[in-house]
Amino acid sequence: MAFDVRCTHAGVPSALSGGSLKCPAHGSIFDPESGQVIRGPAVEPLKSYRTIETDGEIRILIS
């Protein structure tokens, strides 16, 4: 699974901080393993994409 790290509240890229993904704009925090909101103001999880491994490369499936 891969995630779009743009905050679902403000669209600002979140950054890994202390084991979670944190949005610098308004402080939303997301779980880096599930994309779920840990703390708002965001209410929607991060957008996720399925991934596959092919010939040693990880590919993101976008549909």
PDB file of N, CA and C in Angstrom:
ATOM      1  N   MET A   1       0.845  -1.167   0.000  1.00  0.00           N
ATOM      2  CA  MET A   1       0.000   0.000   0.000  1.00  0.00           C
ATOM      3  C   MET A   1       0.891   1.231   0.000  1.00  0.00           C
ATOM      4  N   ALA A   2       0.531   2.207  -0.797  1.00  0.00           N
ATOM      5  CA  ALA A   2       1.223   3.492  -0.840  1.00  0.00           C
ATOM      6  C   ALA A   2       0.185   4.580  -0.569  1.00  0.00           C
ATOM      7  N   PHE A   3       0.631   5.701  -0.025  1.00  0.00           N
ATOM      8  CA  PHE A   3      -0.285   6.787   0.304  1.00  0.00           C
ATOM      9  C   PHE A   3       0.119   8.085  -0.362  1.00  0.00           C
ATOM     10  N   ASP A   4      -0.886   8.871  -0.739  1.00  0.00           N
ATOM     11  CA  ASP A   4      -0.686  10.249  -1.150  1.00  0.00           C
ATOM     12  C   ASP A   4      -0.561  11.013   0.165  1.00  0.00           C
ATOM     13  N   VAL A   5       0.566  11.637   0.432  1.00  0.00           N
ATOM     14  CA  VAL A   5       0.789  12.262   1.737  1.00  0.00           C
ATOM     15  C   VAL A   5       0.185  13.663   1.862  1.00  0.00           C
ATOM     16  N   ARG A   6      -0.530  14.114   0.832  1.00  0.00           N
ATOM     17  CA  ARG A   6      -1.190  15.420   0.942  1.00  0.00           C
ATOM     18  C   ARG A   6      -2.341  15.326   1.942  1.00  0.00           C
ATOM     19  N   CYS A   7      -2.338  16.215   2.901  1.00  0.00           N
ATOM     20  CA  CYS A   7      -3.368  16.244   3.935  1.00  0.00           C
ATOM     21  C   CYS A   7      -4.751  16.364   3.291  1.00  0.00           C
ATOM     22  N   THR A   8      -5.683  15.566   3.766  1.00  0.00           N
ATOM     23  CA  THR A   8      -7.035  15.592   3.209  1.00  0.00           C
ATOM     24  C   THR A   8      -7.839  16.794   3.701  1.00  0.00           C
ATOM     25  N   HIS A   9      -7.270  17.574   4.594  1.00  0.00           N
ATOM     26  CA  HIS A   9      -7.921  18.797   5.064  1.00  0.00           C
ATOM     27  C   HIS A   9      -7.467  20.003   4.256  1.00  0.00           C
ATOM     28  N   ALA A  10      -6.151  20.156   4.105  1.00  0.00           N
ATOM     29  CA  ALA A  10      -5.617  21.364   3.479  1.00  0.00           C
ATOM     30  C   ALA A  10      -4.837  21.109   2.195  1.00  0.00           C
ATOM     31  N   GLY A  11      -4.530  19.842   1.893  1.00  0.00           N
ATOM     32  CA  GLY A  11      -3.786  19.535   0.681  1.00  0.00           C
ATOM     33  C   GLY A  11      -2.291  19.767   0.786  1.00  0.00           C
ATOM     34  N   VAL A  12      -1.821  20.102   1.977  1.00  0.00           N
ATOM     35  CA  VAL A  12      -0.397  20.348   2.197  1.00  0.00           C
ATOM     36  C   VAL A  12       0.304  19.012   2.421  1.00  0.00           C
ATOM     37  N   PRO A  13       1.486  18.793   1.832  1.00  0.00           N
ATOM     38  CA  PRO A  13       2.199  17.534   2.056  1.00  0.00           C
ATOM     39  C   PRO A  13       2.539  17.325   3.534  1.00  0.00           C
ATOM     40  N   SER A  14       2.210  16.136   4.023  1.00  0.00           N
ATOM     41  CA  SER A  14       2.553  15.751   5.384  1.00  0.00           C
ATOM     42  C   SER A  14       3.964  15.192   5.394  1.00  0.00           C
ATOM     43  N   ALA A  15       4.615  15.264   6.546  1.00  0.00           N
ATOM     44  CA  ALA A  15       5.977  14.762   6.676  1.00  0.00           C
ATOM     45  C   ALA A  15       6.054  13.798   7.852  1.00  0.00           C
ATOM     46  N   LEU A  16       6.914  12.794   7.715  1.00  0.00           N
ATOM     47  CA  LEU A  16       7.110  11.834   8.788  1.00  0.00           C
ATOM     48  C   LEU A  16       7.758  12.546   9.975  1.00  0.00           C
ATOM     49  N   SER A  17       7.121  12.414  11.138  1.00  0.00           N
ATOM     50  CA  SER A  17       7.611  13.078  12.348  1.00  0.00           C
ATOM     51  C   SER A  17       7.237  12.232  13.561  1.00  0.00           C
ATOM     52  N   GLY A  18       8.241  11.704  14.243  1.00  0.00           N
ATOM     53  CA  GLY A  18       7.978  10.930  15.448  1.00  0.00           C
ATOM     54  C   GLY A  18       7.128   9.705  15.223  1.00  0.00           C
ATOM     55  N   GLY A  19       7.243   9.065  14.076  1.00  0.00           N
ATOM     56  CA  GLY A  19       6.498   7.842  13.815  1.00  0.00           C
ATOM     57  C   GLY A  19       5.105   8.048  13.238  1.00  0.00           C
ATOM     58  N   SER A  20       4.743   9.287  12.902  1.00  0.00           N
ATOM     59  CA  SER A  20       3.458   9.545  12.265  1.00  0.00           C
ATOM     60  C   SER A  20       3.653  10.584  11.167  1.00  0.00           C
ATOM     61  N   LEU A  21       2.646  10.727  10.324  1.00  0.00           N
ATOM     62  CA  LEU A  21       2.679  11.739   9.266  1.00  0.00           C
ATOM     63  C   LEU A  21       1.941  12.970   9.769  1.00  0.00           C
ATOM     64  N   LYS A  22       2.633  14.103   9.799  1.00  0.00           N
ATOM     65  CA  LYS A  22       2.047  15.324  10.344  1.00  0.00           C
ATOM     66  C   LYS A  22       1.966  16.409   9.284  1.00  0.00           C
ATOM     67  N   CYS A  23       0.802  17.041   9.199  1.00  0.00           N
ATOM     68  CA  CYS A  23       0.602  18.160   8.279  1.00  0.00           C
ATOM     69  C   CYS A  23       1.076  19.435   8.960  1.00  0.00           C
ATOM     70  N   PRO A  24       2.011  20.165   8.343  1.00  0.00           N
ATOM     71  CA  PRO A  24       2.535  21.375   8.968  1.00  0.00           C
ATOM     72  C   PRO A  24       1.556  22.552   8.935  1.00  0.00           C
ATOM     73  N   ALA A  25       0.511  22.482   8.112  1.00  0.00           N
ATOM     74  CA  ALA A  25      -0.406  23.615   7.993  1.00  0.00           C
ATOM     75  C   ALA A  25      -1.333  23.767   9.197  1.00  0.00           C
ATOM     76  N   HIS A  26      -2.010  22.685   9.576  1.00  0.00           N
ATOM     77  CA  HIS A  26      -2.995  22.787  10.657  1.00  0.00           C
ATOM     78  C   HIS A  26      -2.850  21.700  11.710  1.00  0.00           C
ATOM     79  N   GLY A  27      -1.816  20.855  11.585  1.00  0.00           N
ATOM     80  CA  GLY A  27      -1.522  19.889  12.635  1.00  0.00           C
ATOM     81  C   GLY A  27      -2.203  18.542  12.550  1.00  0.00           C
ATOM     82  N   SER A  28      -2.880  18.240  11.448  1.00  0.00           N
ATOM     83  CA  SER A  28      -3.478  16.907  11.318  1.00  0.00           C
ATOM     84  C   SER A  28      -2.381  15.859  11.385  1.00  0.00           C
ATOM     85  N   ILE A  29      -2.689  14.717  12.003  1.00  0.00           N
ATOM     86  CA  ILE A  29      -1.726  13.627  12.121  1.00  0.00           C
ATOM     87  C   ILE A  29      -2.356  12.359  11.575  1.00  0.00           C
ATOM     88  N   PHE A  30      -1.579  11.628  10.761  1.00  0.00           N
ATOM     89  CA  PHE A  30      -2.039  10.407  10.116  1.00  0.00           C
ATOM     90  C   PHE A  30      -1.140   9.236  10.489  1.00  0.00           C
ATOM     91  N   ASP A  31      -1.737   8.048  10.544  1.00  0.00           N
ATOM     92  CA  ASP A  31      -0.982   6.820  10.790  1.00  0.00           C
ATOM     93  C   ASP A  31      -0.249   6.454   9.494  1.00  0.00           C
ATOM     94  N   PRO A  32       1.078   6.310   9.508  1.00  0.00           N
ATOM     95  CA  PRO A  32       1.825   6.023   8.278  1.00  0.00           C
ATOM     96  C   PRO A  32       1.608   4.608   7.741  1.00  0.00           C
ATOM     97  N   GLU A  33       1.036   3.715   8.541  1.00  0.00           N
ATOM     98  CA  GLU A  33       0.798   2.349   8.071  1.00  0.00           C
ATOM     99  C   GLU A  33      -0.594   2.162   7.491  1.00  0.00           C
ATOM    100  N   SER A  34      -1.576   2.933   7.978  1.00  0.00           N
ATOM    101  CA  SER A  34      -2.953   2.765   7.505  1.00  0.00           C
ATOM    102  C   SER A  34      -3.491   3.986   6.782  1.00  0.00           C
ATOM    103  N   GLY A  35      -2.866   5.152   6.991  1.00  0.00           N
ATOM    104  CA  GLY A  35      -3.363   6.393   6.395  1.00  0.00           C
ATOM    105  C   GLY A  35      -4.528   7.003   7.161  1.00  0.00           C
ATOM    106  N   GLN A  36      -4.965   6.356   8.244  1.00  0.00           N
ATOM    107  CA  GLN A  36      -6.096   6.848   9.028  1.00  0.00           C
ATOM    108  C   GLN A  36      -5.718   8.100   9.815  1.00  0.00           C
ATOM    109  N   VAL A  37      -6.722   8.930  10.058  1.00  0.00           N
ATOM    110  CA  VAL A  37      -6.528  10.145  10.844  1.00  0.00           C
ATOM    111  C   VAL A  37      -6.342   9.772  12.314  1.00  0.00           C
ATOM    112  N   ILE A  38      -5.281  10.263  12.913  1.00  0.00           N
ATOM    113  CA  ILE A  38      -5.053  10.100  14.344  1.00  0.00           C
ATOM    114  C   ILE A  38      -5.595  11.326  15.075  1.00  0.00           C
ATOM    115  N   ARG A  39      -5.328  12.508  14.484  1.00  0.00           N
ATOM    116  CA  ARG A  39      -5.809  13.770  15.062  1.00  0.00           C
ATOM    117  C   ARG A  39      -6.130  14.736  13.941  1.00  0.00           C
ATOM    118  N   GLY A  40      -7.253  15.421  14.026  1.00  0.00           N
ATOM    119  CA  GLY A  40      -7.696  16.366  13.013  1.00  0.00           C
ATOM    120  C   GLY A  40      -7.048  17.716  13.163  1.00  0.00           C
ATOM    121  N   PRO A  41      -7.451  18.597  12.280  1.00  0.00           N
ATOM    122  CA  PRO A  41      -8.793  18.773  11.772  1.00  0.00           C
ATOM    123  C   PRO A  41      -9.192  17.886  10.587  1.00  0.00           C
ATOM    124  N   ALA A  42      -8.284  17.191   9.938  1.00  0.00           N
ATOM    125  CA  ALA A  42      -8.672  16.292   8.841  1.00  0.00           C
ATOM    126  C   ALA A  42      -9.617  15.222   9.380  1.00  0.00           C
ATOM    127  N   VAL A  43     -10.596  14.823   8.566  1.00  0.00           N
ATOM    128  CA  VAL A  43     -11.512  13.760   8.964  1.00  0.00           C
ATOM    129  C   VAL A  43     -11.432  12.562   8.022  1.00  0.00           C
ATOM    130  N   GLU A  44     -10.886  12.776   6.834  1.00  0.00           N
ATOM    131  CA  GLU A  44     -10.741  11.706   5.841  1.00  0.00           C
ATOM    132  C   GLU A  44      -9.326  11.139   5.887  1.00  0.00           C
ATOM    133  N   PRO A  45      -9.186   9.817   5.732  1.00  0.00           N
ATOM    134  CA  PRO A  45      -7.841   9.226   5.689  1.00  0.00           C
ATOM    135  C   PRO A  45      -7.095   9.646   4.431  1.00  0.00           C
ATOM    136  N   LEU A  46      -5.788   9.422   4.420  1.00  0.00           N
ATOM    137  CA  LEU A  46      -4.989   9.696   3.227  1.00  0.00           C
ATOM    138  C   LEU A  46      -5.440   8.781   2.100  1.00  0.00           C
ATOM    139  N   LYS A  47      -5.371   9.275   0.884  1.00  0.00           N
ATOM    140  CA  LYS A  47      -5.712   8.459  -0.272  1.00  0.00           C
ATOM    141  C   LYS A  47      -4.671   7.346  -0.400  1.00  0.00           C
ATOM    142  N   SER A  48      -5.136   6.135  -0.627  1.00  0.00           N
ATOM    143  CA  SER A  48      -4.225   4.997  -0.719  1.00  0.00           C
ATOM    144  C   SER A  48      -4.254   4.390  -2.119  1.00  0.00           C
ATOM    145  N   TYR A  49      -3.163   3.722  -2.441  1.00  0.00           N
ATOM    146  CA  TYR A  49      -3.011   3.064  -3.739  1.00  0.00           C
ATOM    147  C   TYR A  49      -2.469   1.663  -3.512  1.00  0.00           C
ATOM    148  N   ARG A  50      -2.965   0.717  -4.279  1.00  0.00           N
ATOM    149  CA  ARG A  50      -2.427  -0.638  -4.211  1.00  0.00           C
ATOM    150  C   ARG A  50      -1.057  -0.649  -4.861  1.00  0.00           C
ATOM    151  N   THR A  51      -0.207  -1.531  -4.389  1.00  0.00           N
ATOM    152  CA  THR A  51       1.127  -1.683  -4.964  1.00  0.00           C
ATOM    153  C   THR A  51       1.367  -3.147  -5.298  1.00  0.00           C
ATOM    154  N   ILE A  52       2.256  -3.377  -6.251  1.00  0.00           N
ATOM    155  CA  ILE A  52       2.698  -4.732  -6.567  1.00  0.00           C
ATOM    156  C   ILE A  52       4.207  -4.704  -6.754  1.00  0.00           C
ATOM    157  N   GLU A  53       4.818  -5.848  -6.552  1.00  0.00           N
ATOM    158  CA  GLU A  53       6.254  -5.969  -6.820  1.00  0.00           C
ATOM    159  C   GLU A  53       6.416  -6.773  -8.098  1.00  0.00           C
ATOM    160  N   THR A  54       7.169  -6.221  -9.031  1.00  0.00           N
ATOM    161  CA  THR A  54       7.432  -6.866 -10.306  1.00  0.00           C
ATOM    162  C   THR A  54       8.923  -6.777 -10.599  1.00  0.00           C
ATOM    163  N   ASP A  55       9.554  -7.913 -10.732  1.00  0.00           N
ATOM    164  CA  ASP A  55      10.988  -7.960 -11.047  1.00  0.00           C
ATOM    165  C   ASP A  55      11.821  -7.101 -10.096  1.00  0.00           C
ATOM    166  N   GLY A  56      11.496  -7.144  -8.803  1.00  0.00           N
ATOM    167  CA  GLY A  56      12.258  -6.406  -7.803  1.00  0.00           C
ATOM    168  C   GLY A  56      11.914  -4.931  -7.705  1.00  0.00           C
ATOM    169  N   GLU A  57      10.938  -4.459  -8.472  1.00  0.00           N
ATOM    170  CA  GLU A  57      10.510  -3.060  -8.412  1.00  0.00           C
ATOM    171  C   GLU A  57       9.113  -2.980  -7.818  1.00  0.00           C
ATOM    172  N   ILE A  58       8.893  -1.973  -6.993  1.00  0.00           N
ATOM    173  CA  ILE A  58       7.556  -1.751  -6.449  1.00  0.00           C
ATOM    174  C   ILE A  58       6.852  -0.778  -7.361  1.00  0.00           C
ATOM    175  N   ARG A  59       5.653  -1.160  -7.786  1.00  0.00           N
ATOM    176  CA  ARG A  59       4.868  -0.313  -8.689  1.00  0.00           C
ATOM    177  C   ARG A  59       3.561   0.063  -8.016  1.00  0.00           C
ATOM    178  N   ILE A  60       3.159   1.302  -8.199  1.00  0.00           N
ATOM    179  CA  ILE A  60       1.898   1.801  -7.658  1.00  0.00           C
ATOM    180  C   ILE A  60       0.840   1.651  -8.740  1.00  0.00           C
ATOM    181  N   LEU A  61      -0.290   1.050  -8.366  1.00  0.00           N
ATOM    182  CA  LEU A  61      -1.387   0.858  -9.310  1.00  0.00           C
ATOM    183  C   LEU A  61      -2.365   2.011  -9.152  1.00  0.00           C
ATOM    184  N   ILE A  62      -2.447   2.836 -10.183  1.00  0.00           N
ATOM    185  CA  ILE A  62      -3.358   3.982 -10.147  1.00  0.00           C
ATOM    186  C   ILE A  62      -4.476   3.684 -11.133  1.00  0.00           C
ATOM    187  N   SER A  63      -5.696   3.763 -10.613  1.00  0.00           N
ATOM    188  CA  SER A  63      -6.847   3.507 -11.501  1.00  0.00           C
ATOM    189  C   SER A  63      -7.844   4.617 -11.433  1.00  0.00           C
TER     190      SER A  63
END
